[in-house]
Full PDB file with SEQRES, HELIX, SHEET, SSBOND, CRYST1, ORIGX, SCALE, CONECT and MASTER records, all heavy atoms in Angstrom:
SEQRES   1 A   36  ARG GLU GLY TYR VAL TRP ALA GLU ASP LYS GLU HIS CYS          
SEQRES   2 A   36  GLU GLU TYR GLY ARG MET LEU SER ALA ASP PRO SER LYS          
SEQRES   3 A   36  VAL SER MET ARG ALA LYS LYS ARG GLY LEU                      
HELIX    1 AA1 ALA A    7  GLU A   11  1                                   5    
HELIX    2 AA2 GLU A   14  GLY A   17  5                                   4    
HELIX    3 AA3 PRO A   24  LYS A   26  5                                   3    
HELIX    4 AA4 MET A   29  GLY A   35  1                                   7    
CRYST1    1.000    1.000    1.000  90.00  90.00  90.00 P 1           1          
ORIGX1      1.000000  0.000000  0.000000        0.00000                         
ORIGX2      0.000000  1.000000  0.000000        0.00000                         
ORIGX3      0.000000  0.000000  1.000000        0.00000                         
SCALE1      1.000000  0.000000  0.000000        0.00000                         
SCALE2      0.000000  1.000000  0.000000        0.00000                         
SCALE3      0.000000  0.000000  1.000000        0.00000                         
ATOM      1  N   ARG A   1       0.833  -1.213   0.000  1.00  0.00           N  
ATOM      2  CA  ARG A   1       0.000   0.000   0.000  1.00  0.00           C  
ATOM      3  C   ARG A   1       0.869   1.266   0.000  1.00  0.00           C  
ATOM      4  O   ARG A   1       0.554   2.256  -0.649  1.00  0.00           O  
ATOM      5  CB  ARG A   1      -0.900  -0.009   1.247  1.00  0.00           C  
ATOM      6  CG  ARG A   1      -1.929   1.101   1.263  1.00  0.00           C  
ATOM      7  CD  ARG A   1      -2.655   1.179   2.587  1.00  0.00           C  
ATOM      8  NE  ARG A   1      -1.826   1.830   3.597  1.00  0.00           N  
ATOM      9  CZ  ARG A   1      -2.125   1.863   4.893  1.00  0.00           C  
ATOM     10  NH1 ARG A   1      -3.209   1.244   5.332  1.00  0.00           N  
ATOM     11  NH2 ARG A   1      -1.344   2.484   5.758  1.00  0.00           N  
ATOM     12  N   GLU A   2       1.990   1.193   0.725  1.00  0.00           N  
ATOM     13  CA  GLU A   2       2.864   2.366   0.847  1.00  0.00           C  
ATOM     14  C   GLU A   2       3.840   2.492  -0.328  1.00  0.00           C  
ATOM     15  O   GLU A   2       4.638   3.422  -0.376  1.00  0.00           O  
ATOM     16  CB  GLU A   2       3.655   2.306   2.167  1.00  0.00           C  
ATOM     17  CG  GLU A   2       2.792   2.301   3.421  1.00  0.00           C  
ATOM     18  CD  GLU A   2       1.972   3.584   3.582  1.00  0.00           C  
ATOM     19  OE1 GLU A   2       2.532   4.670   3.362  1.00  0.00           O  
ATOM     20  OE2 GLU A   2       0.775   3.480   3.916  1.00  0.00           O  
ATOM     21  N   GLY A   3       3.807   1.506  -1.237  1.00  0.00           N  
ATOM     22  CA  GLY A   3       4.630   1.607  -2.437  1.00  0.00           C  
ATOM     23  C   GLY A   3       6.072   1.131  -2.277  1.00  0.00           C  
ATOM     24  O   GLY A   3       6.942   1.482  -3.067  1.00  0.00           O  
ATOM     25  N   TYR A   4       6.330   0.311  -1.237  1.00  0.00           N  
ATOM     26  CA  TYR A   4       7.701  -0.163  -1.027  1.00  0.00           C  
ATOM     27  C   TYR A   4       7.990  -1.493  -1.723  1.00  0.00           C  
ATOM     28  O   TYR A   4       9.141  -1.894  -1.833  1.00  0.00           O  
ATOM     29  CB  TYR A   4       8.014  -0.297   0.473  1.00  0.00           C  
ATOM     30  CG  TYR A   4       8.032   1.035   1.175  1.00  0.00           C  
ATOM     31  CD1 TYR A   4       7.134   1.326   2.197  1.00  0.00           C  
ATOM     32  CD2 TYR A   4       8.940   2.021   0.793  1.00  0.00           C  
ATOM     33  CE1 TYR A   4       7.144   2.557   2.834  1.00  0.00           C  
ATOM     34  CE2 TYR A   4       8.954   3.260   1.420  1.00  0.00           C  
ATOM     35  CZ  TYR A   4       8.053   3.522   2.443  1.00  0.00           C  
ATOM     36  OH  TYR A   4       8.065   4.741   3.053  1.00  0.00           O  
ATOM     37  N   VAL A   5       6.958  -2.210  -2.109  1.00  0.00           N  
ATOM     38  CA  VAL A   5       7.202  -3.495  -2.792  1.00  0.00           C  
ATOM     39  C   VAL A   5       6.383  -3.576  -4.072  1.00  0.00           C  
ATOM     40  O   VAL A   5       5.472  -2.790  -4.286  1.00  0.00           O  
ATOM     41  CB  VAL A   5       6.849  -4.728  -1.897  1.00  0.00           C  
ATOM     42  CG1 VAL A   5       7.706  -4.770  -0.669  1.00  0.00           C  
ATOM     43  CG2 VAL A   5       5.369  -4.766  -1.532  1.00  0.00           C  
ATOM     44  N   TRP A   6       6.726  -4.565  -4.885  1.00  0.00           N  
ATOM     45  CA  TRP A   6       5.948  -4.852  -6.079  1.00  0.00           C  
ATOM     46  C   TRP A   6       4.885  -5.890  -5.704  1.00  0.00           C  
ATOM     47  O   TRP A   6       5.113  -6.726  -4.823  1.00  0.00           O  
ATOM     48  CB  TRP A   6       6.842  -5.435  -7.174  1.00  0.00           C  
ATOM     49  CG  TRP A   6       7.987  -4.552  -7.560  1.00  0.00           C  
ATOM     50  CD1 TRP A   6       8.158  -3.233  -7.242  1.00  0.00           C  
ATOM     51  CD2 TRP A   6       9.144  -4.941  -8.323  1.00  0.00           C  
ATOM     52  NE1 TRP A   6       9.350  -2.774  -7.776  1.00  0.00           N  
ATOM     53  CE2 TRP A   6       9.963  -3.795  -8.437  1.00  0.00           C  
ATOM     54  CE3 TRP A   6       9.553  -6.133  -8.930  1.00  0.00           C  
ATOM     55  CZ2 TRP A   6      11.178  -3.816  -9.124  1.00  0.00           C  
ATOM     56  CZ3 TRP A   6      10.750  -6.159  -9.613  1.00  0.00           C  
ATOM     57  CH2 TRP A   6      11.556  -5.009  -9.714  1.00  0.00           C  
ATOM     58  N   ALA A   7       3.763  -5.850  -6.411  1.00  0.00           N  
ATOM     59  CA  ALA A   7       2.671  -6.792  -6.093  1.00  0.00           C  
ATOM     60  C   ALA A   7       3.148  -8.243  -6.146  1.00  0.00           C  
ATOM     61  O   ALA A   7       2.787  -9.059  -5.305  1.00  0.00           O  
ATOM     62  CB  ALA A   7       1.517  -6.573  -7.060  1.00  0.00           C  
ATOM     63  N   GLU A   8       4.019  -8.555  -7.139  1.00  0.00           N  
ATOM     64  CA  GLU A   8       4.429  -9.970  -7.262  1.00  0.00           C  
ATOM     65  C   GLU A   8       5.410 -10.411  -6.170  1.00  0.00           C  
ATOM     66  O   GLU A   8       5.656 -11.602  -6.006  1.00  0.00           O  
ATOM     67  CB  GLU A   8       4.995 -10.276  -8.654  1.00  0.00           C  
ATOM     68  CG  GLU A   8       6.161  -9.420  -9.076  1.00  0.00           C  
ATOM     69  CD  GLU A   8       5.707  -8.204  -9.877  1.00  0.00           C  
ATOM     70  OE1 GLU A   8       4.618  -7.666  -9.602  1.00  0.00           O  
ATOM     71  OE2 GLU A   8       6.445  -7.794 -10.782  1.00  0.00           O  
ATOM     72  N   ASP A   9       5.974  -9.453  -5.403  1.00  0.00           N  
ATOM     73  CA  ASP A   9       6.854  -9.844  -4.286  1.00  0.00           C  
ATOM     74  C   ASP A   9       6.098 -10.743  -3.309  1.00  0.00           C  
ATOM     75  O   ASP A   9       6.640 -11.703  -2.771  1.00  0.00           O  
ATOM     76  CB  ASP A   9       7.357  -8.605  -3.514  1.00  0.00           C  
ATOM     77  CG  ASP A   9       8.334  -7.764  -4.325  1.00  0.00           C  
ATOM     78  OD1 ASP A   9       8.726  -8.198  -5.425  1.00  0.00           O  
ATOM     79  OD2 ASP A   9       8.709  -6.673  -3.849  1.00  0.00           O  
ATOM     80  N   LYS A  10       4.840 -10.387  -3.074  1.00  0.00           N  
ATOM     81  CA  LYS A  10       4.016 -11.148  -2.116  1.00  0.00           C  
ATOM     82  C   LYS A  10       3.829 -12.592  -2.548  1.00  0.00           C  
ATOM     83  O   LYS A  10       3.810 -13.504  -1.724  1.00  0.00           O  
ATOM     84  CB  LYS A  10       2.635 -10.503  -2.001  1.00  0.00           C  
ATOM     85  CG  LYS A  10       2.538  -9.384  -1.010  1.00  0.00           C  
ATOM     86  CD  LYS A  10       1.088  -8.947  -0.887  1.00  0.00           C  
ATOM     87  CE  LYS A  10       0.242 -10.144  -0.485  1.00  0.00           C  
ATOM     88  NZ  LYS A  10      -1.173  -9.881  -0.378  1.00  0.00           N  
ATOM     89  N   GLU A  11       3.676 -12.790  -3.851  1.00  0.00           N  
ATOM     90  CA  GLU A  11       3.448 -14.140  -4.378  1.00  0.00           C  
ATOM     91  C   GLU A  11       4.582 -15.095  -4.000  1.00  0.00           C  
ATOM     92  O   GLU A  11       4.389 -16.284  -3.854  1.00  0.00           O  
ATOM     93  CB  GLU A  11       3.364 -14.102  -5.924  1.00  0.00           C  
ATOM     94  CG  GLU A  11       2.193 -13.336  -6.463  1.00  0.00           C  
ATOM     95  CD  GLU A  11       0.865 -13.979  -6.127  1.00  0.00           C  
ATOM     96  OE1 GLU A  11       0.756 -15.206  -6.307  1.00  0.00           O  
ATOM     97  OE2 GLU A  11      -0.041 -13.264  -5.667  1.00  0.00           O  
ATOM     98  N   HIS A  12       5.789 -14.517  -3.917  1.00  0.00           N  
ATOM     99  CA  HIS A  12       6.979 -15.340  -3.667  1.00  0.00           C  
ATOM    100  C   HIS A  12       7.449 -15.229  -2.226  1.00  0.00           C  
ATOM    101  O   HIS A  12       8.630 -15.171  -1.947  1.00  0.00           O  
ATOM    102  CB  HIS A  12       8.098 -14.951  -4.637  1.00  0.00           C  
ATOM    103  CG  HIS A  12       7.837 -15.433  -6.030  1.00  0.00           C  
ATOM    104  ND1 HIS A  12       8.680 -15.187  -7.083  1.00  0.00           N  
ATOM    105  CD2 HIS A  12       6.803 -16.161  -6.545  1.00  0.00           C  
ATOM    106  CE1 HIS A  12       8.175 -15.747  -8.183  1.00  0.00           C  
ATOM    107  NE2 HIS A  12       7.042 -16.330  -7.869  1.00  0.00           N  
ATOM    108  N   CYS A  13       6.476 -15.188  -1.329  1.00  0.00           N  
ATOM    109  CA  CYS A  13       6.806 -15.046   0.082  1.00  0.00           C  
ATOM    110  C   CYS A  13       5.979 -16.045   0.888  1.00  0.00           C  
ATOM    111  O   CYS A  13       4.789 -16.228   0.618  1.00  0.00           O  
ATOM    112  CB  CYS A  13       6.470 -13.618   0.509  1.00  0.00           C  
ATOM    113  SG  CYS A  13       7.045 -13.229   2.136  1.00  0.00           S  
ATOM    114  N   GLU A  14       6.621 -16.705   1.833  1.00  0.00           N  
ATOM    115  CA  GLU A  14       5.883 -17.621   2.719  1.00  0.00           C  
ATOM    116  C   GLU A  14       4.709 -16.860   3.336  1.00  0.00           C  
ATOM    117  O   GLU A  14       4.855 -15.699   3.737  1.00  0.00           O  
ATOM    118  CB  GLU A  14       6.847 -18.100   3.815  1.00  0.00           C  
ATOM    119  CG  GLU A  14       6.317 -19.245   4.630  1.00  0.00           C  
ATOM    120  CD  GLU A  14       7.365 -19.824   5.580  1.00  0.00           C  
ATOM    121  OE1 GLU A  14       8.576 -19.743   5.297  1.00  0.00           O  
ATOM    122  OE2 GLU A  14       6.944 -20.369   6.593  1.00  0.00           O  
ATOM    123  N   GLU A  15       3.542 -17.504   3.401  1.00  0.00           N  
ATOM    124  CA  GLU A  15       2.314 -16.871   3.944  1.00  0.00           C  
ATOM    125  C   GLU A  15       1.909 -15.608   3.177  1.00  0.00           C  
ATOM    126  O   GLU A  15       1.151 -14.796   3.693  1.00  0.00           O  
ATOM    127  CB  GLU A  15       2.510 -16.470   5.423  1.00  0.00           C  
ATOM    128  CG  GLU A  15       2.763 -17.611   6.359  1.00  0.00           C  
ATOM    129  CD  GLU A  15       1.526 -18.443   6.645  1.00  0.00           C  
ATOM    130  OE1 GLU A  15       0.451 -17.866   6.877  1.00  0.00           O  
ATOM    131  OE2 GLU A  15       1.650 -19.677   6.620  1.00  0.00           O  
ATOM    132  N   TYR A  16       2.440 -15.424   1.960  1.00  0.00           N  
ATOM    133  CA  TYR A  16       2.199 -14.185   1.194  1.00  0.00           C  
ATOM    134  C   TYR A  16       2.562 -12.943   2.005  1.00  0.00           C  
ATOM    135  O   TYR A  16       1.984 -11.875   1.843  1.00  0.00           O  
ATOM    136  CB  TYR A  16       0.744 -14.124   0.696  1.00  0.00           C  
ATOM    137  CG  TYR A  16       0.426 -15.285  -0.214  1.00  0.00           C  
ATOM    138  CD1 TYR A  16      -0.326 -16.359   0.248  1.00  0.00           C  
ATOM    139  CD2 TYR A  16       0.948 -15.348  -1.508  1.00  0.00           C  
ATOM    140  CE1 TYR A  16      -0.561 -17.461  -0.569  1.00  0.00           C  
ATOM    141  CE2 TYR A  16       0.706 -16.442  -2.326  1.00  0.00           C  
ATOM    142  CZ  TYR A  16      -0.040 -17.503  -1.847  1.00  0.00           C  
ATOM    143  OH  TYR A  16      -0.269 -18.587  -2.651  1.00  0.00           O  
ATOM    144  N   GLY A  17       3.526 -13.126   2.929  1.00  0.00           N  
ATOM    145  CA  GLY A  17       4.043 -11.966   3.670  1.00  0.00           C  
ATOM    146  C   GLY A  17       3.100 -11.413   4.715  1.00  0.00           C  
ATOM    147  O   GLY A  17       3.274 -10.286   5.189  1.00  0.00           O  
ATOM    148  N   ARG A  18       2.093 -12.213   5.092  1.00  0.00           N  
ATOM    149  CA  ARG A  18       1.152 -11.704   6.101  1.00  0.00           C  
ATOM    150  C   ARG A  18       0.522 -12.857   6.876  1.00  0.00           C  
ATOM    151  O   ARG A  18      -0.155 -13.697   6.288  1.00  0.00           O  
ATOM    152  CB  ARG A  18       0.052 -10.894   5.415  1.00  0.00           C  
ATOM    153  CG  ARG A  18      -1.011 -10.405   6.376  1.00  0.00           C  
ATOM    154  CD  ARG A  18      -2.100  -9.610   5.671  1.00  0.00           C  
ATOM    155  NE  ARG A  18      -3.017  -9.033   6.637  1.00  0.00           N  
ATOM    156  CZ  ARG A  18      -4.034  -8.224   6.333  1.00  0.00           C  
ATOM    157  NH1 ARG A  18      -4.241  -7.888   5.070  1.00  0.00           N  
ATOM    158  NH2 ARG A  18      -4.834  -7.750   7.265  1.00  0.00           N  
ATOM    159  N   MET A  19       0.719 -12.872   8.198  1.00  0.00           N  
ATOM    160  CA  MET A  19       0.003 -13.848   9.023  1.00  0.00           C  
ATOM    161  C   MET A  19      -1.304 -13.199   9.468  1.00  0.00           C  
ATOM    162  O   MET A  19      -1.306 -12.163  10.141  1.00  0.00           O  
ATOM    163  CB  MET A  19       0.852 -14.293  10.219  1.00  0.00           C  
ATOM    164  CG  MET A  19       1.921 -15.287   9.800  1.00  0.00           C  
ATOM    165  SD  MET A  19       2.892 -15.951  11.175  1.00  0.00           S  
ATOM    166  CE  MET A  19       1.936 -17.403  11.622  1.00  0.00           C  
ATOM    167  N   LEU A  20      -2.401 -13.810   9.054  1.00  0.00           N  
ATOM    168  CA  LEU A  20      -3.722 -13.191   9.268  1.00  0.00           C  
ATOM    169  C   LEU A  20      -4.140 -13.197  10.733  1.00  0.00           C  
ATOM    170  O   LEU A  20      -5.037 -12.461  11.133  1.00  0.00           O  
ATOM    171  CB  LEU A  20      -4.774 -13.908   8.413  1.00  0.00           C  
ATOM    172  CG  LEU A  20      -4.542 -13.797   6.900  1.00  0.00           C  
ATOM    173  CD1 LEU A  20      -5.470 -14.727   6.133  1.00  0.00           C  
ATOM    174  CD2 LEU A  20      -4.722 -12.359   6.420  1.00  0.00           C  
ATOM    175  N   SER A  21      -3.485 -14.044  11.536  1.00  0.00           N  
ATOM    176  CA  SER A  21      -3.881 -14.141  12.951  1.00  0.00           C  
ATOM    177  C   SER A  21      -3.279 -13.027  13.804  1.00  0.00           C  
ATOM    178  O   SER A  21      -3.515 -12.964  15.005  1.00  0.00           O  
ATOM    179  CB  SER A  21      -3.455 -15.499  13.511  1.00  0.00           C  
ATOM    180  OG  SER A  21      -2.078 -15.715  13.222  1.00  0.00           O  
ATOM    181  N   ALA A  22      -2.494 -12.130  13.187  1.00  0.00           N  
ATOM    182  CA  ALA A  22      -1.812 -11.073  13.960  1.00  0.00           C  
ATOM    183  C   ALA A  22      -2.822 -10.155  14.648  1.00  0.00           C  
ATOM    184  O   ALA A  22      -3.820  -9.761  14.055  1.00  0.00           O  
ATOM    185  CB  ALA A  22      -0.928 -10.249  13.020  1.00  0.00           C  
ATOM    186  N   ASP A  23      -2.529  -9.843  15.911  1.00  0.00           N  
ATOM    187  CA  ASP A  23      -3.373  -8.902  16.654  1.00  0.00           C  
ATOM    188  C   ASP A  23      -2.463  -7.951  17.432  1.00  0.00           C  
ATOM    189  O   ASP A  23      -1.944  -8.302  18.500  1.00  0.00           O  
ATOM    190  CB  ASP A  23      -4.283  -9.682  17.615  1.00  0.00           C  
ATOM    191  CG  ASP A  23      -5.219  -8.760  18.388  1.00  0.00           C  
ATOM    192  OD1 ASP A  23      -5.014  -7.524  18.324  1.00  0.00           O  
ATOM    193  OD2 ASP A  23      -6.130  -9.264  19.076  1.00  0.00           O  
ATOM    194  N   PRO A  24      -2.255  -6.729  16.901  1.00  0.00           N  
ATOM    195  CA  PRO A  24      -1.331  -5.781  17.548  1.00  0.00           C  
ATOM    196  C   PRO A  24      -1.730  -5.425  18.980  1.00  0.00           C  
ATOM    197  O   PRO A  24      -0.889  -5.014  19.770  1.00  0.00           O  
ATOM    198  CB  PRO A  24      -1.386  -4.537  16.650  1.00  0.00           C  
ATOM    199  CG  PRO A  24      -1.940  -5.019  15.344  1.00  0.00           C  
ATOM    200  CD  PRO A  24      -2.818  -6.183  15.652  1.00  0.00           C  
ATOM    201  N   SER A  25      -3.020  -5.618  19.328  1.00  0.00           N  
ATOM    202  CA  SER A  25      -3.433  -5.266  20.700  1.00  0.00           C  
ATOM    203  C   SER A  25      -2.846  -6.238  21.723  1.00  0.00           C  
ATOM    204  O   SER A  25      -2.851  -5.968  22.918  1.00  0.00           O  
ATOM    205  CB  SER A  25      -4.967  -5.241  20.803  1.00  0.00           C  
ATOM    206  OG  SER A  25      -5.469  -6.568  20.754  1.00  0.00           O  
ATOM    207  N   LYS A  26      -2.335  -7.371  21.259  1.00  0.00           N  
ATOM    208  CA  LYS A  26      -1.720  -8.353  22.172  1.00  0.00           C  
ATOM    209  C   LYS A  26      -0.223  -8.073  22.370  1.00  0.00           C  
ATOM    210  O   LYS A  26       0.486  -8.854  23.004  1.00  0.00           O  
ATOM    211  CB  LYS A  26      -1.896  -9.788  21.638  1.00  0.00           C  
ATOM    212  CG  LYS A  26      -3.335 -10.196  21.391  1.00  0.00           C  
ATOM    213  CD  LYS A  26      -4.152 -10.160  22.672  1.00  0.00           C  
ATOM    214  CE  LYS A  26      -5.590 -10.616  22.429  1.00  0.00           C  
ATOM    215  NZ  LYS A  26      -6.453 -10.292  23.575  1.00  0.00           N  
ATOM    216  N   VAL A  27       0.254  -6.996  21.773  1.00  0.00           N  
ATOM    217  CA  VAL A  27       1.685  -6.663  21.861  1.00  0.00           C  
ATOM    218  C   VAL A  27       1.868  -5.527  22.860  1.00  0.00           C  
ATOM    219  O   VAL A  27       1.117  -4.541  22.842  1.00  0.00           O  
ATOM    220  CB  VAL A  27       2.204  -6.216  20.465  1.00  0.00           C  
ATOM    221  CG1 VAL A  27       3.659  -5.761  20.548  1.00  0.00           C  
ATOM    222  CG2 VAL A  27       2.060  -7.356  19.459  1.00  0.00           C  
ATOM    223  N   SER A  28       2.861  -5.645  23.748  1.00  0.00           N  
ATOM    224  CA  SER A  28       3.083  -4.635  24.787  1.00  0.00           C  
ATOM    225  C   SER A  28       3.555  -3.311  24.182  1.00  0.00           C  
ATOM    226  O   SER A  28       4.159  -3.281  23.116  1.00  0.00           O  
ATOM    227  CB  SER A  28       4.128  -5.136  25.788  1.00  0.00           C  
ATOM    228  OG  SER A  28       5.411  -5.189  25.164  1.00  0.00           O  
ATOM    229  N   MET A  29       3.310  -2.234  24.924  1.00  0.00           N  
ATOM    230  CA  MET A  29       3.786  -0.906  24.491  1.00  0.00           C  
ATOM    231  C   MET A  29       5.309  -0.921  24.386  1.00  0.00           C  
ATOM    232  O   MET A  29       5.891  -0.275  23.531  1.00  0.00           O  
ATOM    233  CB  MET A  29       3.354   0.176  25.498  1.00  0.00           C  
ATOM    234  CG  MET A  29       1.944   0.690  25.326  1.00  0.00           C  
ATOM    235  SD  MET A  29       1.453   0.986  23.605  1.00  0.00           S  
ATOM    236  CE  MET A  29       2.523   2.340  23.164  1.00  0.00           C  
ATOM    237  N   ARG A  30       5.936  -1.659  25.282  1.00  0.00           N  
ATOM    238  CA  ARG A  30       7.408  -1.688  25.291  1.00  0.00           C  
ATOM    239  C   ARG A  30       7.945  -2.260  23.973  1.00  0.00           C  
ATOM    240  O   ARG A  30       8.901  -1.756  23.399  1.00  0.00           O  
ATOM    241  CB  ARG A  30       7.866  -2.526  26.488  1.00  0.00           C  
ATOM    242  CG  ARG A  30       9.363  -2.552  26.598  1.00  0.00           C  
ATOM    243  CD  ARG A  30       9.854  -2.636  28.009  1.00  0.00           C  
ATOM    244  NE  ARG A  30      11.308  -2.494  27.976  1.00  0.00           N  
ATOM    245  CZ  ARG A  30      12.123  -3.207  28.716  1.00  0.00           C  
ATOM    246  NH1 ARG A  30      11.653  -4.080  29.564  1.00  0.00           N  
ATOM    247  NH2 ARG A  30      13.424  -3.035  28.634  1.00  0.00           N  
ATOM    248  N   ALA A  31       7.286  -3.346  23.509  1.00  0.00           N  
ATOM    249  CA  ALA A  31       7.718  -3.962  22.240  1.00  0.00           C  
ATOM    250  C   ALA A  31       7.526  -2.968  21.089  1.00  0.00           C  
ATOM    251  O   ALA A  31       8.389  -2.817  20.223  1.00  0.00           O  
ATOM    252  CB  ALA A  31       6.932  -5.235  21.976  1.00  0.00           C  
ATOM    253  N   LYS A  32       6.374  -2.275  21.097  1.00  0.00           N  
ATOM    254  CA  LYS A  32       6.096  -1.308  20.017  1.00  0.00           C  
ATOM    255  C   LYS A  32       7.108  -0.160  20.033  1.00  0.00           C  
ATOM    256  O   LYS A  32       7.569   0.296  18.997  1.00  0.00           O  
ATOM    257  CB  LYS A  32       4.666  -0.776  20.140  1.00  0.00           C  
ATOM    258  CG  LYS A  32       3.620  -1.830  19.766  1.00  0.00           C  
ATOM    259  CD  LYS A  32       2.206  -1.371  20.067  1.00  0.00           C  
ATOM    260  CE  LYS A  32       1.217  -2.488  19.771  1.00  0.00           C  
ATOM    261  NZ  LYS A  32      -0.141  -2.177  20.222  1.00  0.00           N  
ATOM    262  N   LYS A  33       7.451   0.266  21.251  1.00  0.00           N  
ATOM    263  CA  LYS A  33       8.439   1.348  21.398  1.00  0.00           C  
ATOM    264  C   LYS A  33       9.793   0.917  20.831  1.00  0.00           C  
ATOM    265  O   LYS A  33      10.489   1.685  20.183  1.00  0.00           O  
ATOM    266  CB  LYS A  33       8.589   1.688  22.883  1.00  0.00           C  
ATOM    267  CG  LYS A  33       8.506   3.162  23.157  1.00  0.00           C  
ATOM    268  CD  LYS A  33       8.828   3.471  24.616  1.00  0.00           C  
ATOM    269  CE  LYS A  33       8.204   4.799  24.973  1.00  0.00           C  
ATOM    270  NZ  LYS A  33       7.336   4.745  26.129  1.00  0.00           N  
ATOM    271  N   ARG A  34      10.154  -0.340  21.108  1.00  0.00           N  
ATOM    272  CA  ARG A  34      11.448  -0.834  20.602  1.00  0.00           C  
ATOM    273  C   ARG A  34      11.411  -0.989  19.083  1.00  0.00           C  
ATOM    274  O   ARG A  34      12.394  -0.756  18.400  1.00  0.00           O  
ATOM    275  CB  ARG A  34      11.786  -2.193  21.244  1.00  0.00           C  
ATOM    276  CG  ARG A  34      12.266  -2.093  22.675  1.00  0.00           C  
ATOM    277  CD  ARG A  34      12.638  -3.446  23.245  1.00  0.00           C  
ATOM    278  NE  ARG A  34      13.886  -3.980  22.689  1.00  0.00           N  
ATOM    279  CZ  ARG A  34      14.421  -5.140  23.058  1.00  0.00           C  
ATOM    280  NH1 ARG A  34      13.827  -5.884  23.974  1.00  0.00           N  
ATOM    281  NH2 ARG A  34      15.545  -5.562  22.507  1.00  0.00           N  
ATOM    282  N   GLY A  35      10.253  -1.400  18.567  1.00  0.00           N  
ATOM    283  CA  GLY A  35      10.149  -1.694  17.141  1.00  0.00           C  
ATOM    284  C   GLY A  35      10.030  -0.480  16.253  1.00  0.00           C  
ATOM    285  O   GLY A  35      10.536  -0.462  15.130  1.00  0.00           O  
ATOM    286  N   LEU A  36       9.363   0.559  16.760  1.00  0.00           N  
ATOM    287  CA  LEU A  36       9.038   1.724  15.918  1.00  0.00           C  
ATOM    288  C   LEU A  36      10.248   2.288  15.166  1.00  0.00           C  
ATOM    289  O   LEU A  36      10.194   2.465  13.951  1.00  0.00           O  
ATOM    290  CB  LEU A  36       8.350   2.807  16.760  1.00  0.00           C  
ATOM    291  CG  LEU A  36       7.857   4.032  15.987  1.00  0.00           C  
ATOM    292  CD1 LEU A  36       6.837   3.653  14.918  1.00  0.00           C  
ATOM    293  CD2 LEU A  36       7.234   5.058  16.934  1.00  0.00           C  
TER     294      LEU A  36                                                      
MASTER        0    0    0    4    0    0    0    6  293    1    0    3          
END                                                                             
């Protein structure tokens, strides 16, 4: 969406580059602070 990859990049990625079960609300603020 942000224009950093080509559409076909996803095709050649395990899980198409997205695990659908992800829930950011289960991640601590500390982890988000470190990751940002």
